[in-house]
Amino acid sequence: MIAIAIGIWTVAGALALAVHRREGAPGLRRSGAFAAGQGRALALRLPLAMLAAAFLAEALPIENIASVIGPQSGLAGIALAAAIGGAMPGGPMTSFPIALIVYEGGAGAPQIVALIAGWSIFALHRVLAYEAPMMGWSFVALRMAACAILPILAGLFAQAALALLALLPGAS
């Protein structure tokens, strides 16, 4: 986690240097103001989203959901998780906390990968609100058919990666 933070700060620093060279201090001030605004929005949304996900975890039978998309559920669990992800409404501020709670409730990692991939690719709420009205139902059908297998493949690749990691020396 620290390595990721260092990488992000390194990229941010390099970009700040590029902005400073091109636009000087005014460019840095505009960038800083934008970042502060985004930070304020996240600082308000993220705790509320986590709280809502925690309430949802108490309201939903997470252990029942996890039992059908647990690590032992295999391909059927991966496919079901992909379908659940596609039907899951909301943006990342609600979907990722829900995925985390389901994962901590006993769902398998490949199934959660498929759930997040299904949410990313299919997101029924976005299809109904944006894609179909703008692009038309024939395009939606074409895209859905072309992408149908992707969340399942993501889950299967995650399952294969876990199996390979288990073969490494020192893996537990």
N, C-alpha and C. Protein backbone atom coordinates (compact mmCIF):
# COMPACT_ATOMS: atom_id res chain seq x y z
N MET A 1 0.83 -1.19 0.00
CA MET A 1 0.00 0.00 0.00
C MET A 1 0.87 1.25 0.00
N ILE A 2 1.97 1.23 0.76
CA ILE A 2 2.87 2.38 0.80
C ILE A 2 3.53 2.57 -0.55
N ALA A 3 3.89 1.48 -1.22
CA ALA A 3 4.52 1.59 -2.53
C ALA A 3 3.57 2.25 -3.54
N ILE A 4 2.30 1.92 -3.44
CA ILE A 4 1.31 2.53 -4.33
C ILE A 4 1.21 4.03 -4.05
N ALA A 5 1.17 4.40 -2.77
CA ALA A 5 1.11 5.82 -2.41
C ALA A 5 2.35 6.56 -2.90
N ILE A 6 3.50 5.95 -2.75
CA ILE A 6 4.74 6.58 -3.23
C ILE A 6 4.68 6.76 -4.75
N GLY A 7 4.19 5.75 -5.44
CA GLY A 7 4.05 5.84 -6.90
C GLY A 7 3.10 6.96 -7.32
N ILE A 8 1.96 7.06 -6.64
CA ILE A 8 0.99 8.11 -6.96
C ILE A 8 1.59 9.49 -6.69
N TRP A 9 2.27 9.66 -5.54
CA TRP A 9 2.88 10.95 -5.21
C TRP A 9 4.01 11.29 -6.19
N THR A 10 4.74 10.28 -6.66
CA THR A 10 5.79 10.52 -7.64
C THR A 10 5.20 11.02 -8.95
N VAL A 11 4.13 10.39 -9.41
CA VAL A 11 3.46 10.83 -10.64
C VAL A 11 2.89 12.23 -10.45
N ALA A 12 2.25 12.47 -9.30
CA ALA A 12 1.70 13.80 -9.02
C ALA A 12 2.80 14.86 -9.01
N GLY A 13 3.93 14.55 -8.40
CA GLY A 13 5.05 15.48 -8.37
C GLY A 13 5.59 15.77 -9.76
N ALA A 14 5.72 14.74 -10.59
CA ALA A 14 6.20 14.93 -11.96
C ALA A 14 5.22 15.79 -12.76
N LEU A 15 3.94 15.54 -12.57
CA LEU A 15 2.93 16.35 -13.27
C LEU A 15 2.93 17.79 -12.77
N ALA A 16 3.12 17.98 -11.47
CA ALA A 16 3.20 19.34 -10.91
C ALA A 16 4.39 20.08 -11.51
N LEU A 17 5.50 19.40 -11.64
CA LEU A 17 6.68 20.01 -12.25
C LEU A 17 6.40 20.40 -13.70
N ALA A 18 5.73 19.51 -14.44
CA ALA A 18 5.40 19.81 -15.83
C ALA A 18 4.46 21.01 -15.94
N VAL A 19 3.46 21.08 -15.05
CA VAL A 19 2.54 22.22 -15.05
C VAL A 19 3.30 23.50 -14.70
N HIS A 20 4.18 23.43 -13.70
CA HIS A 20 4.94 24.61 -13.29
C HIS A 20 5.82 25.12 -14.43
N ARG A 21 6.46 24.21 -15.13
CA ARG A 21 7.31 24.61 -16.26
C ARG A 21 6.49 25.25 -17.37
N ARG A 22 5.28 24.74 -17.61
CA ARG A 22 4.47 25.24 -18.71
C ARG A 22 3.70 26.50 -18.35
N GLU A 23 3.11 26.54 -17.15
CA GLU A 23 2.20 27.63 -16.80
C GLU A 23 2.65 28.42 -15.58
N GLY A 24 3.62 27.94 -14.84
CA GLY A 24 4.09 28.66 -13.66
C GLY A 24 3.16 28.48 -12.47
N ALA A 25 3.27 29.39 -11.52
CA ALA A 25 2.50 29.31 -10.28
C ALA A 25 0.99 29.35 -10.50
N PRO A 26 0.45 30.13 -11.45
CA PRO A 26 -1.01 30.13 -11.64
C PRO A 26 -1.57 28.74 -11.99
N GLY A 27 -0.82 27.99 -12.79
CA GLY A 27 -1.26 26.64 -13.13
C GLY A 27 -1.27 25.73 -11.92
N LEU A 28 -0.27 25.87 -11.06
CA LEU A 28 -0.23 25.08 -9.83
C LEU A 28 -1.38 25.45 -8.90
N ARG A 29 -1.69 26.76 -8.81
CA ARG A 29 -2.80 27.19 -7.95
C ARG A 29 -4.13 26.63 -8.46
N ARG A 30 -4.35 26.69 -9.78
CA ARG A 30 -5.60 26.13 -10.33
C ARG A 30 -5.68 24.63 -10.07
N SER A 31 -4.57 23.93 -10.27
CA SER A 31 -4.54 22.49 -10.02
C SER A 31 -4.80 22.18 -8.55
N GLY A 32 -4.17 22.94 -7.68
CA GLY A 32 -4.36 22.75 -6.24
C GLY A 32 -5.80 23.00 -5.82
N ALA A 33 -6.40 24.05 -6.39
CA ALA A 33 -7.81 24.36 -6.06
C ALA A 33 -8.72 23.23 -6.53
N PHE A 34 -8.46 22.71 -7.72
CA PHE A 34 -9.27 21.60 -8.24
C PHE A 34 -9.11 20.37 -7.34
N ALA A 35 -7.87 20.06 -6.98
CA ALA A 35 -7.62 18.89 -6.13
C ALA A 35 -8.28 19.06 -4.77
N ALA A 36 -8.22 20.26 -4.21
CA ALA A 36 -8.85 20.50 -2.91
C ALA A 36 -10.37 20.32 -3.00
N GLY A 37 -10.96 20.79 -4.09
CA GLY A 37 -12.41 20.60 -4.28
C GLY A 37 -12.78 19.13 -4.38
N GLN A 38 -11.99 18.37 -5.13
CA GLN A 38 -12.24 16.93 -5.25
C GLN A 38 -12.05 16.25 -3.90
N GLY A 39 -11.03 16.67 -3.16
CA GLY A 39 -10.79 16.10 -1.84
C GLY A 39 -11.93 16.38 -0.87
N ARG A 40 -12.46 17.60 -0.91
CA ARG A 40 -13.61 17.93 -0.05
C ARG A 40 -14.81 17.06 -0.40
N ALA A 41 -15.06 16.89 -1.69
CA ALA A 41 -16.20 16.05 -2.11
C ALA A 41 -16.02 14.62 -1.62
N LEU A 42 -14.83 14.08 -1.77
CA LEU A 42 -14.58 12.71 -1.30
C LEU A 42 -14.64 12.62 0.22
N ALA A 43 -14.13 13.62 0.90
CA ALA A 43 -14.15 13.61 2.36
C ALA A 43 -15.57 13.58 2.90
N LEU A 44 -16.50 14.14 2.17
CA LEU A 44 -17.90 14.10 2.58
C LEU A 44 -18.58 12.80 2.17
N ARG A 45 -18.27 12.33 0.98
CA ARG A 45 -18.98 11.17 0.43
C ARG A 45 -18.50 9.84 0.99
N LEU A 46 -17.21 9.67 1.11
CA LEU A 46 -16.67 8.36 1.47
C LEU A 46 -17.15 7.87 2.84
N PRO A 47 -17.09 8.67 3.90
CA PRO A 47 -17.60 8.17 5.18
C PRO A 47 -19.10 7.83 5.12
N LEU A 48 -19.87 8.65 4.40
CA LEU A 48 -21.31 8.35 4.27
C LEU A 48 -21.54 7.08 3.47
N ALA A 49 -20.75 6.88 2.43
CA ALA A 49 -20.89 5.66 1.63
C ALA A 49 -20.52 4.42 2.45
N MET A 50 -19.47 4.53 3.24
CA MET A 50 -19.08 3.40 4.10
C MET A 50 -20.16 3.13 5.14
N LEU A 51 -20.75 4.19 5.70
CA LEU A 51 -21.82 4.02 6.67
C LEU A 51 -23.04 3.35 6.02
N ALA A 52 -23.40 3.81 4.82
CA ALA A 52 -24.53 3.21 4.10
C ALA A 52 -24.25 1.74 3.79
N ALA A 53 -23.02 1.43 3.38
CA ALA A 53 -22.68 0.03 3.10
C ALA A 53 -22.73 -0.81 4.37
N ALA A 54 -22.31 -0.25 5.49
CA ALA A 54 -22.39 -0.98 6.76
C ALA A 54 -23.84 -1.25 7.15
N PHE A 55 -24.72 -0.25 6.95
CA PHE A 55 -26.14 -0.47 7.21
C PHE A 55 -26.70 -1.54 6.28
N LEU A 56 -26.28 -1.48 5.02
CA LEU A 56 -26.73 -2.49 4.06
C LEU A 56 -26.27 -3.88 4.47
N ALA A 57 -25.06 -3.97 4.98
CA ALA A 57 -24.53 -5.26 5.43
C ALA A 57 -25.37 -5.84 6.56
N GLU A 58 -25.88 -4.96 7.41
CA GLU A 58 -26.74 -5.43 8.50
C GLU A 58 -28.12 -5.78 8.00
N ALA A 59 -28.60 -5.08 6.98
CA ALA A 59 -29.95 -5.30 6.46
C ALA A 59 -30.03 -6.53 5.55
N LEU A 60 -28.97 -6.77 4.80
CA LEU A 60 -28.95 -7.91 3.87
C LEU A 60 -28.35 -9.14 4.54
N PRO A 61 -28.79 -10.30 4.13
CA PRO A 61 -28.19 -11.53 4.66
C PRO A 61 -26.86 -11.81 3.95
N ILE A 62 -25.82 -11.08 4.32
CA ILE A 62 -24.52 -11.20 3.65
C ILE A 62 -24.02 -12.64 3.67
N GLU A 63 -24.23 -13.33 4.79
CA GLU A 63 -23.74 -14.72 4.86
C GLU A 63 -24.43 -15.61 3.82
N ASN A 64 -25.69 -15.31 3.49
CA ASN A 64 -26.38 -16.08 2.45
C ASN A 64 -25.81 -15.75 1.07
N ILE A 65 -25.54 -14.48 0.83
CA ILE A 65 -24.96 -14.08 -0.45
C ILE A 65 -23.58 -14.70 -0.59
N ALA A 66 -22.79 -14.60 0.47
CA ALA A 66 -21.43 -15.14 0.42
C ALA A 66 -21.43 -16.65 0.24
N SER A 67 -22.46 -17.33 0.73
CA SER A 67 -22.48 -18.78 0.58
C SER A 67 -22.68 -19.21 -0.87
N VAL A 68 -23.36 -18.39 -1.66
CA VAL A 68 -23.55 -18.76 -3.07
C VAL A 68 -22.47 -18.20 -3.98
N ILE A 69 -21.69 -17.24 -3.49
CA ILE A 69 -20.56 -16.74 -4.28
C ILE A 69 -19.26 -16.85 -3.48
N GLY A 70 -19.19 -17.88 -2.66
CA GLY A 70 -17.99 -18.13 -1.87
C GLY A 70 -16.88 -18.73 -2.72
N PRO A 71 -15.72 -18.93 -2.12
CA PRO A 71 -14.59 -19.47 -2.87
C PRO A 71 -14.86 -20.84 -3.48
N GLN A 72 -15.74 -21.62 -2.85
CA GLN A 72 -16.05 -22.97 -3.34
C GLN A 72 -17.08 -22.97 -4.46
N SER A 73 -17.67 -21.84 -4.79
CA SER A 73 -18.77 -21.80 -5.76
C SER A 73 -18.32 -21.91 -7.20
N GLY A 74 -17.04 -21.72 -7.48
CA GLY A 74 -16.48 -21.93 -8.81
C GLY A 74 -17.09 -21.06 -9.89
N LEU A 75 -17.23 -21.65 -11.07
CA LEU A 75 -17.73 -20.92 -12.24
C LEU A 75 -19.15 -20.40 -12.03
N ALA A 76 -20.01 -21.20 -11.39
CA ALA A 76 -21.39 -20.75 -11.15
C ALA A 76 -21.40 -19.51 -10.25
N GLY A 77 -20.57 -19.49 -9.22
CA GLY A 77 -20.48 -18.33 -8.33
C GLY A 77 -19.91 -17.12 -9.04
N ILE A 78 -18.93 -17.36 -9.91
CA ILE A 78 -18.35 -16.26 -10.68
C ILE A 78 -19.40 -15.65 -11.60
N ALA A 79 -20.17 -16.49 -12.30
CA ALA A 79 -21.22 -15.99 -13.20
C ALA A 79 -22.30 -15.25 -12.42
N LEU A 80 -22.69 -15.80 -11.28
CA LEU A 80 -23.72 -15.14 -10.45
C LEU A 80 -23.20 -13.80 -9.92
N ALA A 81 -21.96 -13.76 -9.47
CA ALA A 81 -21.38 -12.51 -8.98
C ALA A 81 -21.32 -11.46 -10.08
N ALA A 82 -21.00 -11.88 -11.30
CA ALA A 82 -20.97 -10.95 -12.44
C ALA A 82 -22.37 -10.37 -12.68
N ALA A 83 -23.39 -11.21 -12.59
CA ALA A 83 -24.77 -10.74 -12.77
C ALA A 83 -25.19 -9.79 -11.65
N ILE A 84 -24.83 -10.14 -10.41
CA ILE A 84 -25.14 -9.26 -9.28
C ILE A 84 -24.45 -7.91 -9.47
N GLY A 85 -23.20 -7.93 -9.90
CA GLY A 85 -22.47 -6.69 -10.14
C GLY A 85 -23.14 -5.83 -11.19
N GLY A 86 -23.62 -6.44 -12.26
CA GLY A 86 -24.30 -5.68 -13.31
C GLY A 86 -25.59 -5.04 -12.84
N ALA A 87 -26.24 -5.66 -11.86
CA ALA A 87 -27.50 -5.13 -11.34
C ALA A 87 -27.30 -4.17 -10.18
N MET A 88 -26.07 -4.09 -9.65
CA MET A 88 -25.80 -3.27 -8.47
C MET A 88 -25.80 -1.79 -8.86
N PRO A 89 -26.69 -1.01 -8.26
CA PRO A 89 -26.75 0.41 -8.61
C PRO A 89 -25.70 1.22 -7.86
N GLY A 90 -25.43 2.38 -8.38
CA GLY A 90 -24.56 3.31 -7.68
C GLY A 90 -23.18 3.38 -8.27
N GLY A 91 -22.49 4.40 -7.84
CA GLY A 91 -21.12 4.62 -8.29
C GLY A 91 -20.13 3.90 -7.40
N PRO A 92 -18.86 4.21 -7.58
CA PRO A 92 -17.82 3.52 -6.82
C PRO A 92 -17.90 3.78 -5.31
N MET A 93 -18.47 4.90 -4.92
CA MET A 93 -18.55 5.21 -3.49
C MET A 93 -19.50 4.28 -2.75
N THR A 94 -20.42 3.65 -3.46
CA THR A 94 -21.30 2.67 -2.82
C THR A 94 -20.95 1.25 -3.23
N SER A 95 -20.57 1.04 -4.47
CA SER A 95 -20.32 -0.31 -4.97
C SER A 95 -19.09 -0.97 -4.35
N PHE A 96 -18.00 -0.22 -4.20
CA PHE A 96 -16.80 -0.83 -3.62
C PHE A 96 -16.97 -1.16 -2.14
N PRO A 97 -17.58 -0.28 -1.33
CA PRO A 97 -17.83 -0.71 0.05
C PRO A 97 -18.74 -1.94 0.14
N ILE A 98 -19.74 -2.03 -0.73
CA ILE A 98 -20.61 -3.21 -0.74
C ILE A 98 -19.79 -4.45 -1.10
N ALA A 99 -18.95 -4.32 -2.13
CA ALA A 99 -18.09 -5.45 -2.53
C ALA A 99 -17.17 -5.86 -1.39
N LEU A 100 -16.63 -4.89 -0.68
CA LEU A 100 -15.75 -5.18 0.45
C LEU A 100 -16.50 -5.94 1.55
N ILE A 101 -17.70 -5.51 1.85
CA ILE A 101 -18.48 -6.16 2.90
C ILE A 101 -18.84 -7.59 2.50
N VAL A 102 -19.21 -7.79 1.24
CA VAL A 102 -19.53 -9.14 0.77
C VAL A 102 -18.27 -10.01 0.81
N TYR A 103 -17.14 -9.43 0.42
CA TYR A 103 -15.87 -10.16 0.45
C TYR A 103 -15.51 -10.57 1.88
N GLU A 104 -15.62 -9.62 2.80
CA GLU A 104 -15.33 -9.92 4.20
C GLU A 104 -16.36 -10.86 4.80
N GLY A 105 -17.54 -10.95 4.18
CA GLY A 105 -18.57 -11.87 4.63
C GLY A 105 -18.37 -13.29 4.14
N GLY A 106 -17.33 -13.51 3.33
CA GLY A 106 -17.01 -14.87 2.92
C GLY A 106 -17.03 -15.14 1.43
N ALA A 107 -17.29 -14.14 0.62
CA ALA A 107 -17.25 -14.36 -0.83
C ALA A 107 -15.81 -14.60 -1.27
N GLY A 108 -15.65 -15.31 -2.36
CA GLY A 108 -14.32 -15.59 -2.87
C GLY A 108 -13.75 -14.41 -3.63
N ALA A 109 -12.42 -14.30 -3.66
CA ALA A 109 -11.76 -13.21 -4.38
C ALA A 109 -12.10 -13.24 -5.88
N PRO A 110 -12.07 -14.41 -6.55
CA PRO A 110 -12.44 -14.41 -7.97
C PRO A 110 -13.88 -13.95 -8.19
N GLN A 111 -14.76 -14.30 -7.26
CA GLN A 111 -16.15 -13.89 -7.38
C GLN A 111 -16.30 -12.38 -7.22
N ILE A 112 -15.52 -11.80 -6.31
CA ILE A 112 -15.57 -10.35 -6.13
C ILE A 112 -14.96 -9.64 -7.34
N VAL A 113 -13.93 -10.22 -7.92
CA VAL A 113 -13.38 -9.65 -9.17
C VAL A 113 -14.47 -9.64 -10.24
N ALA A 114 -15.21 -10.74 -10.37
CA ALA A 114 -16.29 -10.81 -11.35
C ALA A 114 -17.41 -9.82 -11.01
N LEU A 115 -17.71 -9.66 -9.72
CA LEU A 115 -18.74 -8.72 -9.30
C LEU A 115 -18.37 -7.30 -9.70
N ILE A 116 -17.14 -6.90 -9.41
CA ILE A 116 -16.70 -5.54 -9.75
C ILE A 116 -16.61 -5.37 -11.27
N ALA A 117 -16.14 -6.39 -11.96
CA ALA A 117 -16.09 -6.31 -13.43
C ALA A 117 -17.50 -6.22 -14.01
N GLY A 118 -18.44 -6.99 -13.47
CA GLY A 118 -19.83 -6.91 -13.94
C GLY A 118 -20.42 -5.53 -13.69
N TRP A 119 -20.13 -4.96 -12.51
CA TRP A 119 -20.59 -3.61 -12.21
C TRP A 119 -19.97 -2.60 -13.17
N SER A 120 -18.67 -2.76 -13.46
CA SER A 120 -17.98 -1.82 -14.34
C SER A 120 -18.49 -1.89 -15.77
N ILE A 121 -18.76 -3.08 -16.24
CA ILE A 121 -19.11 -3.27 -17.65
C ILE A 121 -20.60 -3.11 -17.90
N PHE A 122 -21.43 -3.66 -17.03
CA PHE A 122 -22.87 -3.71 -17.33
C PHE A 122 -23.71 -2.65 -16.65
N ALA A 123 -23.41 -2.27 -15.43
CA ALA A 123 -24.11 -1.24 -14.65
C ALA A 123 -25.47 -0.86 -15.25
N LEU A 124 -26.45 -1.65 -14.92
CA LEU A 124 -27.79 -1.49 -15.48
C LEU A 124 -28.33 -0.07 -15.30
N HIS A 125 -28.04 0.55 -14.16
CA HIS A 125 -28.53 1.92 -13.95
C HIS A 125 -27.94 2.89 -14.96
N ARG A 126 -26.66 2.71 -15.34
CA ARG A 126 -26.05 3.59 -16.35
C ARG A 126 -26.58 3.28 -17.74
N VAL A 127 -26.83 2.01 -18.00
CA VAL A 127 -27.38 1.63 -19.31
C VAL A 127 -28.75 2.29 -19.51
N LEU A 128 -29.58 2.22 -18.47
CA LEU A 128 -30.93 2.78 -18.59
C LEU A 128 -30.92 4.31 -18.60
N ALA A 129 -30.05 4.92 -17.84
CA ALA A 129 -30.05 6.39 -17.73
C ALA A 129 -29.30 7.07 -18.87
N TYR A 130 -28.24 6.45 -19.37
CA TYR A 130 -27.39 7.13 -20.33
C TYR A 130 -27.25 6.41 -21.67
N GLU A 131 -26.81 5.17 -21.61
CA GLU A 131 -26.43 4.49 -22.84
C GLU A 131 -27.60 4.26 -23.78
N ALA A 132 -28.69 3.68 -23.28
CA ALA A 132 -29.83 3.41 -24.16
C ALA A 132 -30.45 4.69 -24.73
N PRO A 133 -30.70 5.71 -23.92
CA PRO A 133 -31.27 6.93 -24.50
C PRO A 133 -30.36 7.61 -25.53
N MET A 134 -29.04 7.54 -25.31
CA MET A 134 -28.11 8.22 -26.21
C MET A 134 -27.72 7.37 -27.42
N MET A 135 -27.48 6.10 -27.19
CA MET A 135 -26.94 5.24 -28.24
C MET A 135 -28.00 4.34 -28.89
N GLY A 136 -29.10 4.12 -28.21
CA GLY A 136 -30.15 3.26 -28.75
C GLY A 136 -30.00 1.82 -28.28
N TRP A 137 -31.13 1.12 -28.29
CA TRP A 137 -31.15 -0.24 -27.77
C TRP A 137 -30.39 -1.23 -28.64
N SER A 138 -30.31 -0.99 -29.94
CA SER A 138 -29.56 -1.93 -30.78
C SER A 138 -28.07 -1.87 -30.44
N PHE A 139 -27.56 -0.67 -30.17
CA PHE A 139 -26.17 -0.56 -29.74
C PHE A 139 -25.97 -1.21 -28.38
N VAL A 140 -26.90 -0.98 -27.46
CA VAL A 140 -26.81 -1.58 -26.12
C VAL A 140 -26.74 -3.10 -26.25
N ALA A 141 -27.61 -3.67 -27.08
CA ALA A 141 -27.62 -5.13 -27.27
C ALA A 141 -26.29 -5.62 -27.85
N LEU A 142 -25.76 -4.89 -28.82
CA LEU A 142 -24.48 -5.26 -29.42
C LEU A 142 -23.36 -5.22 -28.39
N ARG A 143 -23.29 -4.14 -27.62
CA ARG A 143 -22.24 -4.00 -26.61
C ARG A 143 -22.38 -5.07 -25.53
N MET A 144 -23.60 -5.31 -25.09
CA MET A 144 -23.82 -6.33 -24.05
C MET A 144 -23.40 -7.71 -24.54
N ALA A 145 -23.75 -8.03 -25.77
CA ALA A 145 -23.37 -9.33 -26.32
C ALA A 145 -21.86 -9.44 -26.47
N ALA A 146 -21.23 -8.36 -26.92
CA ALA A 146 -19.78 -8.38 -27.11
C ALA A 146 -19.02 -8.46 -25.79
N CYS A 147 -19.61 -7.93 -24.73
CA CYS A 147 -18.92 -7.86 -23.43
C CYS A 147 -19.39 -8.92 -22.44
N ALA A 148 -20.36 -9.73 -22.79
CA ALA A 148 -21.00 -10.64 -21.84
C ALA A 148 -20.02 -11.54 -21.10
N ILE A 149 -19.02 -12.01 -21.77
CA ILE A 149 -18.10 -12.98 -21.18
C ILE A 149 -16.99 -12.32 -20.34
N LEU A 150 -16.79 -11.01 -20.49
CA LEU A 150 -15.64 -10.36 -19.85
C LEU A 150 -15.61 -10.47 -18.33
N PRO A 151 -16.70 -10.22 -17.59
CA PRO A 151 -16.62 -10.36 -16.14
C PRO A 151 -16.34 -11.79 -15.70
N ILE A 152 -16.88 -12.74 -16.44
CA ILE A 152 -16.63 -14.15 -16.11
C ILE A 152 -15.16 -14.50 -16.36
N LEU A 153 -14.63 -14.01 -17.48
CA LEU A 153 -13.20 -14.23 -17.75
C LEU A 153 -12.33 -13.58 -16.69
N ALA A 154 -12.70 -12.39 -16.24
CA ALA A 154 -11.93 -11.73 -15.19
C ALA A 154 -11.92 -12.59 -13.92
N GLY A 155 -13.07 -13.13 -13.55
CA GLY A 155 -13.13 -14.00 -12.38
C GLY A 155 -12.32 -15.27 -12.56
N LEU A 156 -12.38 -15.86 -13.75
CA LEU A 156 -11.60 -17.07 -14.01
C LEU A 156 -10.10 -16.78 -14.01
N PHE A 157 -9.70 -15.64 -14.57
CA PHE A 157 -8.29 -15.26 -14.53
C PHE A 157 -7.83 -15.04 -13.09
N ALA A 158 -8.68 -14.42 -12.28
CA ALA A 158 -8.33 -14.23 -10.86
C ALA A 158 -8.19 -15.57 -10.16
N GLN A 159 -9.08 -16.50 -10.48
CA GLN A 159 -9.02 -17.83 -9.88
C GLN A 159 -7.72 -18.54 -10.29
N ALA A 160 -7.34 -18.43 -11.56
CA ALA A 160 -6.10 -19.03 -12.04
C ALA A 160 -4.89 -18.38 -11.39
N ALA A 161 -4.93 -17.06 -11.23
CA ALA A 161 -3.82 -16.35 -10.59
C ALA A 161 -3.66 -16.80 -9.15
N LEU A 162 -4.76 -16.97 -8.44
CA LEU A 162 -4.68 -17.45 -7.05
C LEU A 162 -4.10 -18.86 -7.00
N ALA A 163 -4.49 -19.70 -7.95
CA ALA A 163 -3.96 -21.07 -7.98
C ALA A 163 -2.46 -21.06 -8.26
N LEU A 164 -2.01 -20.18 -9.15
CA LEU A 164 -0.58 -20.08 -9.44
C LEU A 164 0.19 -19.53 -8.24
N LEU A 165 -0.38 -18.55 -7.57
CA LEU A 165 0.29 -17.98 -6.40
C LEU A 165 0.42 -19.02 -5.29
N ALA A 166 -0.56 -19.92 -5.18
CA ALA A 166 -0.52 -20.96 -4.15
C ALA A 166 0.61 -21.95 -4.40
N LEU A 167 1.07 -22.05 -5.66
CA LEU A 167 2.15 -22.97 -6.00
C LEU A 167 3.52 -22.40 -5.68
N LEU A 168 3.62 -21.10 -5.45
CA LEU A 168 4.91 -20.48 -5.17
C LEU A 168 5.44 -20.92 -3.83
N PRO A 169 6.73 -21.04 -3.72
CA PRO A 169 7.33 -21.41 -2.43
C PRO A 169 7.00 -20.35 -1.37
N GLY A 170 6.65 -20.79 -0.21
CA GLY A 170 6.33 -19.88 0.89
C GLY A 170 4.90 -19.37 0.88
N ALA A 171 4.12 -19.76 -0.14
CA ALA A 171 2.72 -19.34 -0.18
C ALA A 171 1.92 -20.10 0.85
N SER A 172 1.00 -19.41 1.47
CA SER A 172 0.20 -20.08 2.50
C SER A 172 -1.17 -20.42 1.99
